[in-house]
PDB file of N, CA and C in Angstrom:
ATOM      1  N   MET A   1     116.842 -85.432 -16.292  1.00  0.00           N
ATOM      2  CA  MET A   1     118.012 -85.728 -17.002  1.00  0.00           C
ATOM      3  C   MET A   1     118.530 -87.287 -16.482  1.00  0.00           C
ATOM      4  N   SER A   2     118.692 -88.057 -17.135  1.00  0.00           N
ATOM      5  CA  SER A   2     119.296 -89.266 -17.022  1.00  0.00           C
ATOM      6  C   SER A   2     120.808 -89.900 -17.183  1.00  0.00           C
ATOM      7  N   THR A   3     121.249 -90.462 -16.025  1.00  0.00           N
ATOM      8  CA  THR A   3     123.123 -90.693 -16.259  1.00  0.00           C
ATOM      9  C   THR A   3     122.916 -92.236 -16.892  1.00  0.00           C
ATOM     10  N   ILE A   4     124.231 -92.524 -17.494  1.00  0.00           N
ATOM     11  CA  ILE A   4     124.188 -93.793 -18.083  1.00  0.00           C
ATOM     12  C   ILE A   4     125.819 -94.268 -18.041  1.00  0.00           C
ATOM     13  N   THR A   5     126.139 -95.287 -18.139  1.00  0.00           N
ATOM     14  CA  THR A   5     127.769 -95.684 -17.646  1.00  0.00           C
ATOM     15  C   THR A   5     127.756 -96.354 -18.637  1.00  0.00           C
ATOM     16  N   VAL A   6     128.861 -96.312 -19.280  1.00  0.00           N
ATOM     17  CA  VAL A   6     129.440 -97.109 -20.515  1.00  0.00           C
ATOM     18  C   VAL A   6     130.314 -98.388 -19.945  1.00  0.00           C
ATOM     19  N   SER A   7     129.948 -99.321 -20.458  1.00  0.00           N
ATOM     20  CA  SER A   7     131.122-100.661 -20.127  1.00  0.00           C
ATOM     21  C   SER A   7     132.054-100.884 -20.351  1.00  0.00           C
ATOM     22  N   SER A   8     132.859-102.070 -19.949  1.00  0.00           N
ATOM     23  CA  SER A   8     133.804-101.880 -20.075  1.00  0.00           C
ATOM     24  C   SER A   8     134.110-102.526 -21.811  1.00  0.00           C
ATOM     25  N   LYS A   9     133.209-102.639 -22.395  1.00  0.00           N
ATOM     26  CA  LYS A   9     133.356-103.191 -24.010  1.00  0.00           C
ATOM     27  C   LYS A   9     132.787-101.408 -25.104  1.00  0.00           C
ATOM     28  N   GLY A  10     132.574-100.333 -24.227  1.00  0.00           N
ATOM     29  CA  GLY A  10     132.271 -99.090 -24.698  1.00  0.00           C
ATOM     30  C   GLY A  10     130.798 -99.639 -24.979  1.00  0.00           C
ATOM     31  N   GLN A  11     129.930 -99.795 -24.561  1.00  0.00           N
ATOM     32  CA  GLN A  11     128.653-100.152 -24.654  1.00  0.00           C
ATOM     33  C   GLN A  11     127.710 -99.019 -23.751  1.00  0.00           C
ATOM     34  N   ILE A  12     126.870 -98.459 -24.160  1.00  0.00           N
ATOM     35  CA  ILE A  12     125.811 -97.638 -22.999  1.00  0.00           C
ATOM     36  C   ILE A  12     124.483 -98.580 -23.267  1.00  0.00           C
ATOM     37  N   VAL A  13     123.852 -98.131 -22.376  1.00  0.00           N
ATOM     38  CA  VAL A  13     122.044 -99.064 -22.862  1.00  0.00           C
ATOM     39  C   VAL A  13     121.255 -97.287 -22.066  1.00  0.00           C
ATOM     40  N   LEU A  14     120.483 -97.102 -22.872  1.00  0.00           N
ATOM     41  CA  LEU A  14     119.543 -95.937 -22.916  1.00  0.00           C
ATOM     42  C   LEU A  14     118.289 -96.564 -21.633  1.00  0.00           C
ATOM     43  N   PRO A  15     117.988 -95.865 -20.863  1.00  0.00           N
ATOM     44  CA  PRO A  15     116.825 -96.122 -20.124  1.00  0.00           C
ATOM     45  C   PRO A  15     115.520 -96.347 -21.020  1.00  0.00           C
ATOM     46  N   ALA A  16     114.568 -97.564 -20.151  1.00  0.00           N
ATOM     47  CA  ALA A  16     113.564 -98.196 -21.053  1.00  0.00           C
ATOM     48  C   ALA A  16     112.312 -96.936 -21.076  1.00  0.00           C
ATOM     49  N   GLY A  17     112.655 -96.199 -20.759  1.00  0.00           N
ATOM     50  CA  GLY A  17     111.481 -95.029 -20.654  1.00  0.00           C
ATOM     51  C   GLY A  17     111.747 -94.049 -21.966  1.00  0.00           C
ATOM     52  N   ILE A  18     113.065 -93.607 -22.126  1.00  0.00           N
ATOM     53  CA  ILE A  18     113.369 -93.108 -23.097  1.00  0.00           C
ATOM     54  C   ILE A  18     113.083 -94.150 -24.723  1.00  0.00           C
ATOM     55  N   ARG A  19     113.409 -95.000 -24.606  1.00  0.00           N
ATOM     56  CA  ARG A  19     113.304 -95.810 -25.816  1.00  0.00           C
ATOM     57  C   ARG A  19     111.769 -95.777 -26.118  1.00  0.00           C
ATOM     58  N   ARG A  20     110.901 -96.387 -25.145  1.00  0.00           N
ATOM     59  CA  ARG A  20     109.411 -96.302 -25.366  1.00  0.00           C
ATOM     60  C   ARG A  20     109.126 -94.578 -25.950  1.00  0.00           C
ATOM     61  N   ARG A  21     109.359 -93.863 -25.210  1.00  0.00           N
ATOM     62  CA  ARG A  21     108.916 -92.469 -25.753  1.00  0.00           C
ATOM     63  C   ARG A  21     109.461 -92.515 -27.302  1.00  0.00           C
ATOM     64  N   LEU A  22     110.235 -92.621 -27.623  1.00  0.00           N
ATOM     65  CA  LEU A  22     111.388 -92.037 -29.079  1.00  0.00           C
ATOM     66  C   LEU A  22     110.882 -93.551 -30.117  1.00  0.00           C
ATOM     67  N   GLY A  23     110.189 -94.314 -29.305  1.00  0.00           N
ATOM     68  CA  GLY A  23     109.649 -95.560 -30.261  1.00  0.00           C
ATOM     69  C   GLY A  23     110.735 -96.642 -30.827  1.00  0.00           C
ATOM     70  N   MET A  24     112.016 -96.663 -30.159  1.00  0.00           N
ATOM     71  CA  MET A  24     113.452 -97.432 -30.673  1.00  0.00           C
ATOM     72  C   MET A  24     112.975 -98.841 -29.763  1.00  0.00           C
ATOM     73  N   GLY A  25     113.154 -99.901 -31.145  1.00  0.00           N
ATOM     74  CA  GLY A  25     112.869-101.384 -30.859  1.00  0.00           C
ATOM     75  C   GLY A  25     113.771-101.793 -30.893  1.00  0.00           C
ATOM     76  N   ALA A  26     114.083-102.864 -30.657  1.00  0.00           N
ATOM     77  CA  ALA A  26     115.191-103.794 -31.025  1.00  0.00           C
ATOM     78  C   ALA A  26     116.261-103.723 -32.196  1.00  0.00           C
ATOM     79  N   GLY A  27     117.825-103.309 -32.757  1.00  0.00           N
ATOM     80  CA  GLY A  27     117.835-102.846 -33.986  1.00  0.00           C
ATOM     81  C   GLY A  27     117.605-101.874 -34.400  1.00  0.00           C
ATOM     82  N   ALA A  28     117.001-100.424 -33.295  1.00  0.00           N
ATOM     83  CA  ALA A  28     117.110 -99.207 -33.847  1.00  0.00           C
ATOM     84  C   ALA A  28     118.670 -98.333 -34.084  1.00  0.00           C
ATOM     85  N   LYS A  29     118.588 -97.530 -34.818  1.00  0.00           N
ATOM     86  CA  LYS A  29     119.388 -97.120 -35.088  1.00  0.00           C
ATOM     87  C   LYS A  29     119.962 -95.356 -34.841  1.00  0.00           C
ATOM     88  N   VAL A  30     121.324 -95.357 -34.235  1.00  0.00           N
ATOM     89  CA  VAL A  30     121.230 -93.950 -33.472  1.00  0.00           C
ATOM     90  C   VAL A  30     122.248 -93.779 -34.033  1.00  0.00           C
ATOM     91  N   GLU A  31     122.755 -92.374 -34.295  1.00  0.00           N
ATOM     92  CA  GLU A  31     123.687 -91.392 -35.080  1.00  0.00           C
ATOM     93  C   GLU A  31     124.234 -90.530 -33.890  1.00  0.00           C
ATOM     94  N   ILE A  32     125.633 -90.643 -33.767  1.00  0.00           N
ATOM     95  CA  ILE A  32     126.398 -89.971 -32.819  1.00  0.00           C
ATOM     96  C   ILE A  32     127.140 -88.716 -33.111  1.00  0.00           C
ATOM     97  N   VAL A  33     126.695 -87.562 -33.035  1.00  0.00           N
ATOM     98  CA  VAL A  33     127.430 -86.605 -33.365  1.00  0.00           C
ATOM     99  C   VAL A  33     128.074 -85.859 -32.301  1.00  0.00           C
ATOM    100  N   GLU A  34     129.419 -85.742 -32.380  1.00  0.00           N
ATOM    101  CA  GLU A  34     130.757 -85.057 -31.789  1.00  0.00           C
ATOM    102  C   GLU A  34     130.428 -83.769 -32.359  1.00  0.00           C
ATOM    103  N   GLU A  35     130.075 -82.946 -30.375  1.00  0.00           N
ATOM    104  CA  GLU A  35     130.227 -81.750 -30.422  1.00  0.00           C
ATOM    105  C   GLU A  35     131.199 -81.115 -29.709  1.00  0.00           C
ATOM    106  N   GLU A  36     131.014 -79.665 -29.662  1.00  0.00           N
ATOM    107  CA  GLU A  36     132.157 -78.719 -28.982  1.00  0.00           C
ATOM    108  C   GLU A  36     131.968 -79.355 -27.392  1.00  0.00           C
ATOM    109  N   ASP A  37     131.118 -79.219 -26.892  1.00  0.00           N
ATOM    110  CA  ASP A  37     130.558 -79.394 -25.296  1.00  0.00           C
ATOM    111  C   ASP A  37     130.079 -81.370 -25.105  1.00  0.00           C
ATOM    112  N   GLY A  38     129.960 -81.812 -25.973  1.00  0.00           N
ATOM    113  CA  GLY A  38     130.040 -83.282 -25.665  1.00  0.00           C
ATOM    114  C   GLY A  38     129.445 -84.273 -26.839  1.00  0.00           C
ATOM    115  N   LEU A  39     128.647 -85.147 -26.564  1.00  0.00           N
ATOM    116  CA  LEU A  39     128.270 -85.797 -27.628  1.00  0.00           C
ATOM    117  C   LEU A  39     126.239 -85.489 -27.803  1.00  0.00           C
ATOM    118  N   ARG A  40     125.814 -85.634 -29.428  1.00  0.00           N
ATOM    119  CA  ARG A  40     124.397 -86.061 -29.309  1.00  0.00           C
ATOM    120  C   ARG A  40     124.253 -87.127 -29.980  1.00  0.00           C
ATOM    121  N   LEU A  41     123.278 -87.409 -29.320  1.00  0.00           N
ATOM    122  CA  LEU A  41     122.301 -89.118 -30.010  1.00  0.00           C
ATOM    123  C   LEU A  41     121.040 -88.709 -30.783  1.00  0.00           C
ATOM    124  N   LYS A  42     121.097 -88.873 -31.760  1.00  0.00           N
ATOM    125  CA  LYS A  42     120.083 -88.582 -33.035  1.00  0.00           C
ATOM    126  C   LYS A  42     119.425 -90.247 -33.545  1.00  0.00           C
ATOM    127  N   VAL A  43     118.170 -90.560 -33.264  1.00  0.00           N
ATOM    128  CA  VAL A  43     117.461 -91.439 -33.937  1.00  0.00           C
ATOM    129  C   VAL A  43     117.442 -91.639 -35.299  1.00  0.00           C
ATOM    130  N   VAL A  44     117.628 -92.643 -35.544  1.00  0.00           N
ATOM    131  CA  VAL A  44     117.783 -92.450 -37.476  1.00  0.00           C
ATOM    132  C   VAL A  44     116.211 -93.113 -37.574  1.00  0.00           C
ATOM    133  N   ARG A  45     115.576 -92.274 -38.272  1.00  0.00           N
ATOM    134  CA  ARG A  45     114.371 -92.890 -38.611  1.00  0.00           C
ATOM    135  C   ARG A  45     114.387 -93.230 -40.288  1.00  0.00           C
ATOM    136  N   THR A  46     114.078 -94.556 -40.942  1.00  0.00           N
ATOM    137  CA  THR A  46     114.349 -94.803 -42.149  1.00  0.00           C
ATOM    138  C   THR A  46     113.319 -94.699 -42.704  1.00  0.00           C
ATOM    139  N   VAL A  47     112.808 -94.667 -43.802  1.00  0.00           N
ATOM    140  CA  VAL A  47     111.439 -94.886 -44.223  1.00  0.00           C
ATOM    141  C   VAL A  47     111.266 -96.247 -45.529  1.00  0.00           C
ATOM    142  N   ASN A  48     110.717 -96.981 -45.308  1.00  0.00           N
ATOM    143  CA  ASN A  48     110.366 -97.732 -45.986  1.00  0.00           C
ATOM    144  C   ASN A  48     110.264 -97.797 -47.471  1.00  0.00           C
ATOM    145  N   ARG A  49     111.047 -98.629 -48.690  1.00  0.00           N
ATOM    146  CA  ARG A  49     110.745 -98.148 -50.090  1.00  0.00           C
ATOM    147  C   ARG A  49     108.916 -98.762 -50.250  1.00  0.00           C
ATOM    148  N   THR A  50     108.361 -98.172 -50.680  1.00  0.00           N
ATOM    149  CA  THR A  50     107.456 -98.894 -51.230  1.00  0.00           C
ATOM    150  C   THR A  50     107.060 -98.887 -52.630  1.00  0.00           C
ATOM    151  N   ASP A  51     106.662-100.210 -53.421  1.00  0.00           N
ATOM    152  CA  ASP A  51     106.364-100.083 -54.806  1.00  0.00           C
ATOM    153  C   ASP A  51     105.092 -99.216 -55.471  1.00  0.00           C
ATOM    154  N   LEU A  52     105.043 -98.764 -55.992  1.00  0.00           N
ATOM    155  CA  LEU A  52     104.340 -97.421 -56.547  1.00  0.00           C
ATOM    156  C   LEU A  52     102.971 -98.412 -57.328  1.00  0.00           C
ATOM    157  N   THR A  53     103.059 -99.841 -57.418  1.00  0.00           N
ATOM    158  CA  THR A  53     101.985-100.241 -58.037  1.00  0.00           C
ATOM    159  C   THR A  53     101.362-100.954 -56.688  1.00  0.00           C
ATOM    160  N   GLU A  54     101.590-101.055 -55.788  1.00  0.00           N
ATOM    161  CA  GLU A  54     100.928-101.473 -54.723  1.00  0.00           C
ATOM    162  C   GLU A  54     100.035-100.625 -53.936  1.00  0.00           C
ATOM    163  N   LEU A  55     100.056 -98.943 -54.208  1.00  0.00           N
ATOM    164  CA  LEU A  55      99.304 -98.081 -53.518  1.00  0.00           C
ATOM    165  C   LEU A  55      97.947 -97.638 -55.022  1.00  0.00           C
ATOM    166  N   ALA A  56      98.460 -98.587 -56.299  1.00  0.00           N
ATOM    167  CA  ALA A  56      97.187 -98.492 -57.102  1.00  0.00           C
ATOM    168  C   ALA A  56      95.948 -98.407 -56.142  1.00  0.00           C
ATOM    169  N   GLY A  57      94.888 -97.750 -56.514  1.00  0.00           N
ATOM    170  CA  GLY A  57      93.240 -98.204 -56.273  1.00  0.00           C
ATOM    171  C   GLY A  57      93.337 -97.587 -54.328  1.00  0.00           C
ATOM    172  N   MET A  58      93.876 -97.438 -53.616  1.00  0.00           N
ATOM    173  CA  MET A  58      93.983 -96.881 -52.645  1.00  0.00           C
ATOM    174  C   MET A  58      92.917 -95.740 -52.207  1.00  0.00           C
ATOM    175  N   VAL A  59      93.123 -95.002 -52.964  1.00  0.00           N
ATOM    176  CA  VAL A  59      92.203 -93.736 -53.133  1.00  0.00           C
ATOM    177  C   VAL A  59      91.024 -93.348 -53.948  1.00  0.00           C
ATOM    178  N   LYS A  60      90.375 -93.563 -53.576  1.00  0.00           N
ATOM    179  CA  LYS A  60      89.220 -93.094 -54.715  1.00  0.00           C
ATOM    180  C   LYS A  60      88.511 -92.082 -54.498  1.00  0.00           C
ATOM    181  N   ALA A  61      88.360 -91.000 -55.846  1.00  0.00           N
ATOM    182  CA  ALA A  61      87.356 -89.858 -55.573  1.00  0.00           C
ATOM    183  C   ALA A  61      86.574 -89.928 -56.358  1.00  0.00           C
ATOM    184  N   PRO A  62      84.950 -89.475 -55.529  1.00  0.00           N
ATOM    185  CA  PRO A  62      83.615 -89.369 -56.254  1.00  0.00           C
ATOM    186  C   PRO A  62      83.915 -88.644 -57.473  1.00  0.00           C
ATOM    187  N   SER A  63      83.046 -88.931 -58.597  1.00  0.00           N
ATOM    188  CA  SER A  63      82.856 -88.136 -59.379  1.00  0.00           C
ATOM    189  C   SER A  63      81.800 -87.410 -59.086  1.00  0.00           C
ATOM    190  N   ARG A  64      82.659 -86.182 -59.964  1.00  0.00           N
ATOM    191  CA  ARG A  64      81.519 -84.498 -59.620  1.00  0.00           C
ATOM    192  C   ARG A  64      81.675 -84.036 -61.218  1.00  0.00           C
ATOM    193  N   GLY A  65      80.660 -83.530 -61.229  1.00  0.00           N
ATOM    194  CA  GLY A  65      80.641 -83.033 -62.667  1.00  0.00           C
ATOM    195  C   GLY A  65      80.594 -83.436 -63.799  1.00  0.00           C
ATOM    196  N   VAL A  66      80.737 -82.796 -64.886  1.00  0.00           N
ATOM    197  CA  VAL A  66      80.285 -83.587 -66.041  1.00  0.00           C
ATOM    198  C   VAL A  66      81.592 -84.223 -66.789  1.00  0.00           C
ATOM    199  N   ARG A  67      81.746 -85.230 -67.164  1.00  0.00           N
ATOM    200  CA  ARG A  67      83.024 -85.579 -68.170  1.00  0.00           C
ATOM    201  C   ARG A  67      83.339 -84.558 -68.774  1.00  0.00           C
ATOM    202  N   ARG A  68      84.765 -84.575 -69.159  1.00  0.00           N
ATOM    203  CA  ARG A  68      85.163 -83.617 -70.027  1.00  0.00           C
ATOM    204  C   ARG A  68      85.899 -84.126 -71.100  1.00  0.00           C
ATOM    205  N   ARG A  69      86.021 -83.834 -72.239  1.00  0.00           N
ATOM    206  CA  ARG A  69      86.691 -84.503 -73.795  1.00  0.00           C
ATOM    207  C   ARG A  69      87.889 -83.590 -73.669  1.00  0.00           C
ATOM    208  N   LEU A  70      89.119 -84.270 -74.507  1.00  0.00           N
ATOM    209  CA  LEU A  70      89.808 -83.329 -74.580  1.00  0.00           C
ATOM    210  C   LEU A  70      89.657 -81.884 -75.313  1.00  0.00           C
ATOM    211  N   GLU A  71      88.683 -81.958 -76.075  1.00  0.00           N
ATOM    212  CA  GLU A  71      88.828 -80.952 -77.263  1.00  0.00           C
ATOM    213  C   GLU A  71      87.929 -79.412 -76.114  1.00  0.00           C
ATOM    214  N   ASP A  72      87.428 -80.127 -75.119  1.00  0.00           N
ATOM    215  CA  ASP A  72      87.159 -78.960 -74.189  1.00  0.00           C
ATOM    216  C   ASP A  72      88.191 -78.441 -73.480  1.00  0.00           C
ATOM    217  N   PHE A  73      89.378 -78.737 -73.819  1.00  0.00           N
ATOM    218  CA  PHE A  73      90.473 -77.633 -73.271  1.00  0.00           C
ATOM    219  C   PHE A  73      91.303 -77.393 -74.652  1.00  0.00           C
ATOM    220  N   ASP A  74      91.410 -77.196 -75.645  1.00  0.00           N
ATOM    221  CA  ASP A  74      91.689 -76.445 -76.719  1.00  0.00           C
ATOM    222  C   ASP A  74      91.169 -75.229 -77.334  1.00  0.00           C
ATOM    223  N   PRO A  75      92.150 -74.341 -76.815  1.00  0.00           N
ATOM    224  CA  PRO A  75      91.474 -73.128 -77.007  1.00  0.00           C
ATOM    225  C   PRO A  75      90.686 -72.608 -78.084  1.00  0.00           C
ATOM    226  N   SER A  76      91.353 -73.138 -79.585  1.00  0.00           N
ATOM    227  CA  SER A  76      90.697 -72.786 -80.471  1.00  0.00           C
ATOM    228  C   SER A  76      89.043 -73.577 -80.898  1.00  0.00           C
ATOM    229  N   ALA A  77      89.116 -74.899 -80.027  1.00  0.00           N
ATOM    230  CA  ALA A  77      87.674 -75.117 -80.132  1.00  0.00           C
ATOM    231  C   ALA A  77      86.893 -74.450 -79.329  1.00  0.00           C
ATOM    232  N   ALA A  78      86.980 -73.671 -78.615  1.00  0.00           N
ATOM    233  CA  ALA A  78      86.052 -73.068 -77.547  1.00  0.00           C
ATOM    234  C   ALA A  78      85.686 -72.058 -78.421  1.00  0.00           C
ATOM    235  N   LEU A  79      86.864 -71.258 -78.785  1.00  0.00           N
ATOM    236  CA  LEU A  79      86.274 -70.230 -80.030  1.00  0.00           C
ATOM    237  C   LEU A  79      85.455 -70.255 -80.987  1.00  0.00           C
ATOM    238  N   ARG A  80      85.437 -71.516 -82.026  1.00  0.00           N
ATOM    239  CA  ARG A  80      84.812 -72.162 -82.421  1.00  0.00           C
ATOM    240  C   ARG A  80      83.354 -72.070 -81.961  1.00  0.00           C
ATOM    241  N   LYS A  81      83.322 -72.650 -81.034  1.00  0.00           N
ATOM    242  CA  LYS A  81      81.833 -72.978 -80.360  1.00  0.00           C
ATOM    243  C   LYS A  81      81.231 -71.479 -80.172  1.00  0.00           C
ATOM    244  N   ALA A  82      82.204 -70.735 -80.139  1.00  0.00           N
ATOM    245  CA  ALA A  82      81.674 -69.237 -79.573  1.00  0.00           C
ATOM    246  C   ALA A  82      81.165 -68.972 -81.396  1.00  0.00           C
ATOM    247  N   GLY A  83      81.593 -68.959 -82.184  1.00  0.00           N
ATOM    248  CA  GLY A  83      81.759 -68.292 -83.306  1.00  0.00           C
ATOM    249  C   GLY A  83      82.386 -67.173 -83.597  1.00  0.00           C
ATOM    250  N   LYS A  84      83.736 -66.886 -83.025  1.00  0.00           N
ATOM    251  CA  LYS A  84      84.687 -65.956 -83.111  1.00  0.00           C
ATOM    252  C   LYS A  84      85.300 -66.691 -84.297  1.00  0.00           C
ATOM    253  N   THR A  85      85.539 -67.606 -84.817  1.00  0.00           N
ATOM    254  CA  THR A  85      86.536 -67.590 -86.041  1.00  0.00           C
ATOM    255  C   THR A  85      85.920 -67.925 -87.275  1.00  0.00           C
TER     256      THR A  85
END
């Protein structure tokens, strides 16, 4: 357990080891939650927004099997092929 001191400006400094373990760099955001028995600090992790068009072509699936046509998925076409209509 680490002990930190509040400065005259109300600032605190988190120990370097803790910042490294949590991946906190300059500008990291920390949420402060007041609880009955004290404070809880929580690192705010943001997810960078990405334009979906940038992701196009990232994954290439190998072609397997026979190419299918739209009529292959039509139940009435399957019945016609089987001679049941």
